[in-house]
Structures are given as structure tokens and as C-alpha cells.
PDB file of N, CA and C in Angstrom:
ATOM      1  N   UNK A   1     -86.852 -40.681 100.959  1.00  0.00           N
ATOM      2  CA  UNK A   1     -86.097 -41.449  99.538  1.00  0.00           C
ATOM      3  C   UNK A   1     -86.705 -40.995  98.564  1.00  0.00           C
ATOM      4  N   UNK A   2     -85.875 -41.139  96.992  1.00  0.00           N
ATOM      5  CA  UNK A   2     -86.567 -40.687  95.796  1.00  0.00           C
ATOM      6  C   UNK A   2     -87.125 -41.903  94.920  1.00  0.00           C
ATOM      7  N   UNK A   3     -87.784 -42.026  94.200  1.00  0.00           N
ATOM      8  CA  UNK A   3     -87.536 -43.107  93.512  1.00  0.00           C
ATOM      9  C   UNK A   3     -88.053 -42.234  91.943  1.00  0.00           C
ATOM     10  N   UNK A   4     -87.434 -43.730  91.213  1.00  0.00           N
ATOM     11  CA  UNK A   4     -86.992 -42.850  89.777  1.00  0.00           C
ATOM     12  C   UNK A   4     -87.006 -44.100  89.302  1.00  0.00           C
ATOM     13  N   UNK A   5     -87.081 -43.896  87.737  1.00  0.00           N
ATOM     14  CA  UNK A   5     -87.324 -44.382  86.668  1.00  0.00           C
ATOM     15  C   UNK A   5     -86.148 -44.752  86.522  1.00  0.00           C
ATOM     16  N   UNK A   6     -85.353 -45.487  85.289  1.00  0.00           N
ATOM     17  CA  UNK A   6     -84.105 -46.354  84.397  1.00  0.00           C
ATOM     18  C   UNK A   6     -83.929 -45.003  84.026  1.00  0.00           C
ATOM     19  N   UNK A   7     -85.464 -44.781  83.074  1.00  0.00           N
ATOM     20  CA  UNK A   7     -84.642 -43.564  82.008  1.00  0.00           C
ATOM     21  C   UNK A   7     -84.548 -42.242  82.726  1.00  0.00           C
ATOM     22  N   UNK A   8     -85.490 -42.434  83.343  1.00  0.00           N
ATOM     23  CA  UNK A   8     -85.267 -40.354  84.019  1.00  0.00           C
ATOM     24  C   UNK A   8     -83.899 -40.752  85.369  1.00  0.00           C
ATOM     25  N   UNK A   9     -83.478 -41.605  85.242  1.00  0.00           N
ATOM     26  CA  UNK A   9     -82.106 -41.322  85.919  1.00  0.00           C
ATOM     27  C   UNK A   9     -81.179 -41.494  85.372  1.00  0.00           C
ATOM     28  N   UNK A  10     -81.373 -41.865  84.419  1.00  0.00           N
ATOM     29  CA  UNK A  10     -80.489 -41.719  83.394  1.00  0.00           C
ATOM     30  C   UNK A  10     -80.174 -39.761  82.818  1.00  0.00           C
ATOM     31  N   UNK A  11     -81.808 -39.678  82.145  1.00  0.00           N
ATOM     32  CA  UNK A  11     -81.848 -37.775  82.010  1.00  0.00           C
ATOM     33  C   UNK A  11     -81.314 -37.223  83.201  1.00  0.00           C
ATOM     34  N   UNK A  12     -81.332 -37.450  84.350  1.00  0.00           N
ATOM     35  CA  UNK A  12     -81.047 -36.831  85.424  1.00  0.00           C
ATOM     36  C   UNK A  12     -79.786 -36.896  86.622  1.00  0.00           C
ATOM     37  N   UNK A  13     -79.338 -36.948  86.103  1.00  0.00           N
ATOM     38  CA  UNK A  13     -77.821 -38.407  87.334  1.00  0.00           C
ATOM     39  C   UNK A  13     -77.644 -37.225  87.684  1.00  0.00           C
ATOM     40  N   UNK A  14     -77.192 -36.140  86.657  1.00  0.00           N
ATOM     41  CA  UNK A  14     -76.591 -34.922  87.476  1.00  0.00           C
ATOM     42  C   UNK A  14     -77.342 -34.039  89.140  1.00  0.00           C
ATOM     43  N   UNK A  15     -78.050 -34.094  88.350  1.00  0.00           N
ATOM     44  CA  UNK A  15     -79.244 -32.856  89.016  1.00  0.00           C
ATOM     45  C   UNK A  15     -79.664 -34.935  90.885  1.00  0.00           C
ATOM     46  N   UNK A  16     -79.171 -35.758  90.656  1.00  0.00           N
ATOM     47  CA  UNK A  16     -79.592 -36.950  91.585  1.00  0.00           C
ATOM     48  C   UNK A  16     -78.639 -37.115  92.010  1.00  0.00           C
ATOM     49  N   UNK A  17     -77.348 -36.115  91.681  1.00  0.00           N
ATOM     50  CA  UNK A  17     -75.981 -36.808  92.203  1.00  0.00           C
ATOM     51  C   UNK A  17     -75.723 -35.708  93.402  1.00  0.00           C
ATOM     52  N   UNK A  18     -76.424 -34.376  92.873  1.00  0.00           N
ATOM     53  CA  UNK A  18     -76.105 -33.365  94.031  1.00  0.00           C
ATOM     54  C   UNK A  18     -76.779 -33.840  94.577  1.00  0.00           C
ATOM     55  N   UNK A  19     -78.075 -33.817  94.473  1.00  0.00           N
ATOM     56  CA  UNK A  19     -79.149 -34.336  96.296  1.00  0.00           C
ATOM     57  C   UNK A  19     -78.673 -35.504  96.638  1.00  0.00           C
ATOM     58  N   UNK A  20     -77.660 -36.740  95.970  1.00  0.00           N
ATOM     59  CA  UNK A  20     -77.514 -37.560  97.546  1.00  0.00           C
ATOM     60  C   UNK A  20     -75.917 -37.164  97.701  1.00  0.00           C
ATOM     61  N   UNK A  21     -74.628 -35.481  96.965  1.00  0.00           N
ATOM     62  CA  UNK A  21     -73.665 -35.165  98.077  1.00  0.00           C
ATOM     63  C   UNK A  21     -74.601 -34.351  99.071  1.00  0.00           C
ATOM     64  N   UNK A  22     -75.373 -33.422  98.423  1.00  0.00           N
ATOM     65  CA  UNK A  22     -75.764 -32.350  98.982  1.00  0.00           C
ATOM     66  C   UNK A  22     -76.046 -32.281 100.239  1.00  0.00           C
ATOM     67  N   UNK A  23     -77.444 -32.994 100.085  1.00  0.00           N
ATOM     68  CA  UNK A  23     -78.833 -33.282 101.114  1.00  0.00           C
ATOM     69  C   UNK A  23     -78.880 -34.232 101.394  1.00  0.00           C
ATOM     70  N   UNK A  24     -77.849 -35.398 101.125  1.00  0.00           N
ATOM     71  CA  UNK A  24     -77.699 -36.674 101.237  1.00  0.00           C
ATOM     72  C   UNK A  24     -78.825 -37.743 101.307  1.00  0.00           C
ATOM     73  N   UNK A  25     -79.883 -37.229 100.522  1.00  0.00           N
ATOM     74  CA  UNK A  25     -81.117 -37.651  99.850  1.00  0.00           C
ATOM     75  C   UNK A  25     -80.688 -39.125  99.695  1.00  0.00           C
ATOM     76  N   UNK A  26     -81.428 -40.653  99.381  1.00  0.00           N
ATOM     77  CA  UNK A  26     -81.416 -41.860  98.872  1.00  0.00           C
ATOM     78  C   UNK A  26     -81.853 -41.876  97.856  1.00  0.00           C
ATOM     79  N   UNK A  27     -81.354 -42.294  96.617  1.00  0.00           N
ATOM     80  CA  UNK A  27     -82.443 -41.862  95.553  1.00  0.00           C
ATOM     81  C   UNK A  27     -82.565 -43.858  95.081  1.00  0.00           C
ATOM     82  N   UNK A  28     -83.944 -44.262  94.565  1.00  0.00           N
ATOM     83  CA  UNK A  28     -84.210 -45.646  94.496  1.00  0.00           C
ATOM     84  C   UNK A  28     -84.074 -45.272  93.181  1.00  0.00           C
ATOM     85  N   UNK A  29     -83.607 -46.279  92.336  1.00  0.00           N
ATOM     86  CA  UNK A  29     -83.616 -46.986  90.789  1.00  0.00           C
ATOM     87  C   UNK A  29     -84.229 -47.890  90.143  1.00  0.00           C
ATOM     88  N   UNK A  30     -85.426 -47.645  89.692  1.00  0.00           N
ATOM     89  CA  UNK A  30     -86.564 -48.705  89.446  1.00  0.00           C
ATOM     90  C   UNK A  30     -86.707 -49.546  87.942  1.00  0.00           C
ATOM     91  N   UNK A  31     -86.687 -50.318  87.217  1.00  0.00           N
ATOM     92  CA  UNK A  31     -87.356 -50.855  86.053  1.00  0.00           C
ATOM     93  C   UNK A  31     -88.536 -51.275  86.311  1.00  0.00           C
ATOM     94  N   UNK A  32     -89.494 -50.710  85.803  1.00  0.00           N
ATOM     95  CA  UNK A  32     -90.961 -51.169  86.080  1.00  0.00           C
ATOM     96  C   UNK A  32     -91.448 -51.272  87.196  1.00  0.00           C
ATOM     97  N   UNK A  33     -91.034 -49.905  87.693  1.00  0.00           N
ATOM     98  CA  UNK A  33     -92.022 -50.068  89.380  1.00  0.00           C
ATOM     99  C   UNK A  33     -91.092 -50.757  89.917  1.00  0.00           C
ATOM    100  N   UNK A  34     -90.103 -51.932  89.951  1.00  0.00           N
ATOM    101  CA  UNK A  34     -89.352 -52.485  90.712  1.00  0.00           C
ATOM    102  C   UNK A  34     -88.232 -51.982  90.563  1.00  0.00           C
ATOM    103  N   UNK A  35     -87.880 -51.882  92.602  1.00  0.00           N
ATOM    104  CA  UNK A  35     -86.771 -51.210  92.797  1.00  0.00           C
ATOM    105  C   UNK A  35     -85.595 -52.399  92.029  1.00  0.00           C
ATOM    106  N   UNK A  36     -84.224 -51.531  91.689  1.00  0.00           N
ATOM    107  CA  UNK A  36     -83.235 -52.281  91.582  1.00  0.00           C
ATOM    108  C   UNK A  36     -81.646 -52.048  91.425  1.00  0.00           C
ATOM    109  N   UNK A  37     -82.187 -51.116  92.122  1.00  0.00           N
ATOM    110  CA  UNK A  37     -80.412 -49.965  92.559  1.00  0.00           C
ATOM    111  C   UNK A  37     -81.004 -48.869  93.578  1.00  0.00           C
ATOM    112  N   UNK A  38     -79.675 -48.550  93.864  1.00  0.00           N
ATOM    113  CA  UNK A  38     -80.001 -47.524  95.459  1.00  0.00           C
ATOM    114  C   UNK A  38     -78.574 -46.420  94.849  1.00  0.00           C
ATOM    115  N   UNK A  39     -79.364 -45.560  95.135  1.00  0.00           N
ATOM    116  CA  UNK A  39     -77.851 -44.640  95.133  1.00  0.00           C
ATOM    117  C   UNK A  39     -77.661 -43.742  96.877  1.00  0.00           C
ATOM    118  N   UNK A  40     -77.307 -44.043  97.166  1.00  0.00           N
ATOM    119  CA  UNK A  40     -76.643 -43.207  98.073  1.00  0.00           C
ATOM    120  C   UNK A  40     -74.892 -42.790  98.496  1.00  0.00           C
ATOM    121  N   UNK A  41     -74.864 -41.257  99.255  1.00  0.00           N
ATOM    122  CA  UNK A  41     -73.527 -41.336  99.514  1.00  0.00           C
ATOM    123  C   UNK A  41     -73.049 -42.174  99.661  1.00  0.00           C
ATOM    124  N   UNK A  42     -71.676 -41.786  99.608  1.00  0.00           N
ATOM    125  CA  UNK A  42     -70.212 -42.858  99.797  1.00  0.00           C
ATOM    126  C   UNK A  42     -69.352 -42.355 100.765  1.00  0.00           C
ATOM    127  N   UNK A  43     -69.629 -43.276 101.920  1.00  0.00           N
ATOM    128  CA  UNK A  43     -69.544 -42.769 103.170  1.00  0.00           C
ATOM    129  C   UNK A  43     -67.887 -43.629 103.582  1.00  0.00           C
ATOM    130  N   UNK A  44     -66.626 -42.999 103.463  1.00  0.00           N
ATOM    131  CA  UNK A  44     -65.411 -43.191 103.831  1.00  0.00           C
ATOM    132  C   UNK A  44     -65.194 -44.169 104.997  1.00  0.00           C
ATOM    133  N   UNK A  45     -64.659 -45.860 104.942  1.00  0.00           N
ATOM    134  CA  UNK A  45     -64.674 -46.258 105.515  1.00  0.00           C
ATOM    135  C   UNK A  45     -63.502 -45.915 106.601  1.00  0.00           C
ATOM    136  N   UNK A  46     -63.761 -46.323 108.176  1.00  0.00           N
ATOM    137  CA  UNK A  46     -62.708 -45.534 108.692  1.00  0.00           C
ATOM    138  C   UNK A  46     -61.460 -46.588 109.106  1.00  0.00           C
ATOM    139  N   UNK A  47     -60.435 -46.411 109.764  1.00  0.00           N
ATOM    140  CA  UNK A  47     -59.350 -47.640 109.106  1.00  0.00           C
ATOM    141  C   UNK A  47     -59.601 -48.249 110.795  1.00  0.00           C
ATOM    142  N   UNK A  48     -60.475 -49.629 110.266  1.00  0.00           N
ATOM    143  CA  UNK A  48     -60.198 -50.346 111.535  1.00  0.00           C
ATOM    144  C   UNK A  48     -59.832 -50.797 112.987  1.00  0.00           C
ATOM    145  N   UNK A  49     -57.996 -50.483 111.785  1.00  0.00           N
ATOM    146  CA  UNK A  49     -57.226 -50.391 113.143  1.00  0.00           C
ATOM    147  C   UNK A  49     -56.555 -49.043 113.867  1.00  0.00           C
ATOM    148  N   UNK A  50     -57.380 -48.074 113.507  1.00  0.00           N
ATOM    149  CA  UNK A  50     -56.631 -46.668 114.183  1.00  0.00           C
ATOM    150  C   UNK A  50     -58.571 -47.295 115.429  1.00  0.00           C
ATOM    151  N   UNK A  51     -57.398 -46.113 116.229  1.00  0.00           N
ATOM    152  CA  UNK A  51     -57.682 -46.709 117.667  1.00  0.00           C
ATOM    153  C   UNK A  51     -58.630 -45.632 118.136  1.00  0.00           C
ATOM    154  N   UNK A  52     -60.149 -45.523 118.540  1.00  0.00           N
ATOM    155  CA  UNK A  52     -60.352 -44.465 118.354  1.00  0.00           C
ATOM    156  C   UNK A  52     -60.695 -44.303 119.875  1.00  0.00           C
ATOM    157  N   UNK A  53     -61.213 -42.940 119.839  1.00  0.00           N
ATOM    158  CA  UNK A  53     -61.275 -41.954 121.033  1.00  0.00           C
ATOM    159  C   UNK A  53     -61.406 -42.291 122.865  1.00  0.00           C
ATOM    160  N   UNK A  54     -62.395 -43.891 122.396  1.00  0.00           N
ATOM    161  CA  UNK A  54     -62.624 -44.585 123.866  1.00  0.00           C
ATOM    162  C   UNK A  54     -61.851 -45.589 124.071  1.00  0.00           C
ATOM    163  N   UNK A  55     -60.727 -46.279 123.316  1.00  0.00           N
ATOM    164  CA  UNK A  55     -60.025 -47.054 123.292  1.00  0.00           C
ATOM    165  C   UNK A  55     -58.861 -46.031 123.447  1.00  0.00           C
ATOM    166  N   UNK A  56     -58.265 -45.396 123.583  1.00  0.00           N
ATOM    167  CA  UNK A  56     -57.438 -44.575 123.172  1.00  0.00           C
ATOM    168  C   UNK A  56     -56.074 -44.953 124.605  1.00  0.00           C
ATOM    169  N   UNK A  57     -56.910 -45.633 125.962  1.00  0.00           N
ATOM    170  CA  UNK A  57     -55.883 -46.019 127.206  1.00  0.00           C
ATOM    171  C   UNK A  57     -55.614 -47.194 126.614  1.00  0.00           C
ATOM    172  N   UNK A  58     -55.838 -48.399 125.773  1.00  0.00           N
ATOM    173  CA  UNK A  58     -55.822 -49.561 126.043  1.00  0.00           C
ATOM    174  C   UNK A  58     -54.428 -49.718 125.177  1.00  0.00           C
ATOM    175  N   UNK A  59     -53.568 -50.663 126.366  1.00  0.00           N
ATOM    176  CA  UNK A  59     -52.705 -51.351 125.601  1.00  0.00           C
ATOM    177  C   UNK A  59     -52.668 -52.619 125.724  1.00  0.00           C
ATOM    178  N   UNK A  60     -52.193 -52.854 124.232  1.00  0.00           N
ATOM    179  CA  UNK A  60     -52.089 -54.664 123.997  1.00  0.00           C
ATOM    180  C   UNK A  60     -50.254 -54.721 124.484  1.00  0.00           C
ATOM    181  N   UNK A  61     -50.682 -56.164 125.540  1.00  0.00           N
ATOM    182  CA  UNK A  61     -49.484 -56.591 125.594  1.00  0.00           C
ATOM    183  C   UNK A  61     -48.405 -57.500 124.755  1.00  0.00           C
ATOM    184  N   UNK A  62     -49.500 -58.395 124.570  1.00  0.00           N
ATOM    185  CA  UNK A  62     -49.184 -59.299 123.580  1.00  0.00           C
ATOM    186  C   UNK A  62     -49.819 -59.219 122.629  1.00  0.00           C
ATOM    187  N   UNK A  63     -49.024 -59.404 121.374  1.00  0.00           N
ATOM    188  CA  UNK A  63     -50.007 -59.557 119.601  1.00  0.00           C
ATOM    189  C   UNK A  63     -50.841 -60.899 119.528  1.00  0.00           C
ATOM    190  N   UNK A  64     -52.217 -60.087 119.572  1.00  0.00           N
ATOM    191  CA  UNK A  64     -53.340 -60.693 119.267  1.00  0.00           C
ATOM    192  C   UNK A  64     -53.459 -61.635 118.500  1.00  0.00           C
ATOM    193  N   UNK A  65     -52.905 -61.536 117.611  1.00  0.00           N
ATOM    194  CA  UNK A  65     -52.724 -62.525 116.309  1.00  0.00           C
ATOM    195  C   UNK A  65     -52.094 -63.764 116.317  1.00  0.00           C
ATOM    196  N   UNK A  66     -51.382 -63.841 117.505  1.00  0.00           N
ATOM    197  CA  UNK A  66     -50.518 -65.313 116.910  1.00  0.00           C
ATOM    198  C   UNK A  66     -51.276 -65.660 118.200  1.00  0.00           C
ATOM    199  N   UNK A  67     -50.445 -67.140 118.317  1.00  0.00           N
ATOM    200  CA  UNK A  67     -51.659 -68.409 118.643  1.00  0.00           C
ATOM    201  C   UNK A  67     -51.252 -68.395 120.655  1.00  0.00           C
ATOM    202  N   UNK A  68     -52.121 -68.851 121.534  1.00  0.00           N
ATOM    203  CA  UNK A  68     -51.906 -68.900 122.738  1.00  0.00           C
ATOM    204  C   UNK A  68     -51.017 -69.864 123.649  1.00  0.00           C
ATOM    205  N   UNK A  69     -50.779 -69.065 124.407  1.00  0.00           N
ATOM    206  CA  UNK A  69     -48.969 -70.604 125.252  1.00  0.00           C
ATOM    207  C   UNK A  69     -50.440 -70.859 126.099  1.00  0.00           C
ATOM    208  N   UNK A  70     -50.360 -72.842 126.236  1.00  0.00           N
ATOM    209  CA  UNK A  70     -50.226 -73.733 126.669  1.00  0.00           C
ATOM    210  C   UNK A  70     -51.600 -72.606 128.210  1.00  0.00           C
ATOM    211  N   UNK A  71     -50.509 -72.027 129.034  1.00  0.00           N
ATOM    212  CA  UNK A  71     -51.570 -71.451 130.017  1.00  0.00           C
ATOM    213  C   UNK A  71     -51.685 -70.732 129.843  1.00  0.00           C
ATOM    214  N   UNK A  72     -52.456 -69.926 128.802  1.00  0.00           N
ATOM    215  CA  UNK A  72     -53.031 -69.192 128.477  1.00  0.00           C
ATOM    216  C   UNK A  72     -54.532 -69.427 128.515  1.00  0.00           C
ATOM    217  N   UNK A  73     -54.324 -70.648 127.711  1.00  0.00           N
ATOM    218  CA  UNK A  73     -56.102 -71.318 127.537  1.00  0.00           C
ATOM    219  C   UNK A  73     -56.806 -71.548 129.094  1.00  0.00           C
ATOM    220  N   UNK A  74     -57.959 -71.566 128.701  1.00  0.00           N
ATOM    221  CA  UNK A  74     -58.363 -72.272 129.893  1.00  0.00           C
ATOM    222  C   UNK A  74     -58.548 -73.274 130.509  1.00  0.00           C
ATOM    223  N   UNK A  75     -58.691 -73.863 131.537  1.00  0.00           N
ATOM    224  CA  UNK A  75     -58.477 -75.447 132.251  1.00  0.00           C
ATOM    225  C   UNK A  75     -59.300 -76.033 131.506  1.00  0.00           C
ATOM    226  N   UNK A  76     -60.672 -76.532 130.905  1.00  0.00           N
ATOM    227  CA  UNK A  76     -61.562 -76.548 130.557  1.00  0.00           C
ATOM    228  C   UNK A  76     -61.148 -77.162 128.781  1.00  0.00           C
ATOM    229  N   UNK A  77     -60.392 -76.369 128.482  1.00  0.00           N
ATOM    230  CA  UNK A  77     -60.249 -76.706 126.829  1.00  0.00           C
ATOM    231  C   UNK A  77     -59.038 -76.821 126.768  1.00  0.00           C
ATOM    232  N   UNK A  78     -57.906 -77.325 127.212  1.00  0.00           N
ATOM    233  CA  UNK A  78     -56.576 -77.836 127.420  1.00  0.00           C
ATOM    234  C   UNK A  78     -56.457 -79.658 127.300  1.00  0.00           C
TER     235      UNK A  78
END
């Protein structure tokens, strides 16, 4: 992790971005020695609805977003 002040971050932004992108460094930007921001690599979020390899054989027989029928509720909750 690299710490830089705001002036240094403005002056060396291109160089700092290369370190983040190529070397996966994390840059902490400080004002008067107090951390105010963190610059880190962007990680594209995986689609949460896509099936992973672990769940490849899982099949839904009902739409989990639909309300349950009366018989699907546990006896104690009826």
C-alpha cells in the first residue's frame, strides 16, 4: 500500500494509475497526513444471476420470487 498526499496524487496521477492497474497496488490519498481516499483496481462485478460452476446442476422448479402456497409454509408458521 502506497500513501501519498493530495498534491503528490495530482502531480503523479498517471504513474499511480499504472501501479494500480499493472501491479494491483492500493494507493491511499491523504490530506494533512489523514487518509481521505483509497485508489484501487476496478473489479467488474459478476452477474449475480449467472450460474457458477458449483451450481451448474441446480434447477429451480418454482420461481423463488413468487409467494409460497399455503402447503409450502412450515406447519408452525401457518
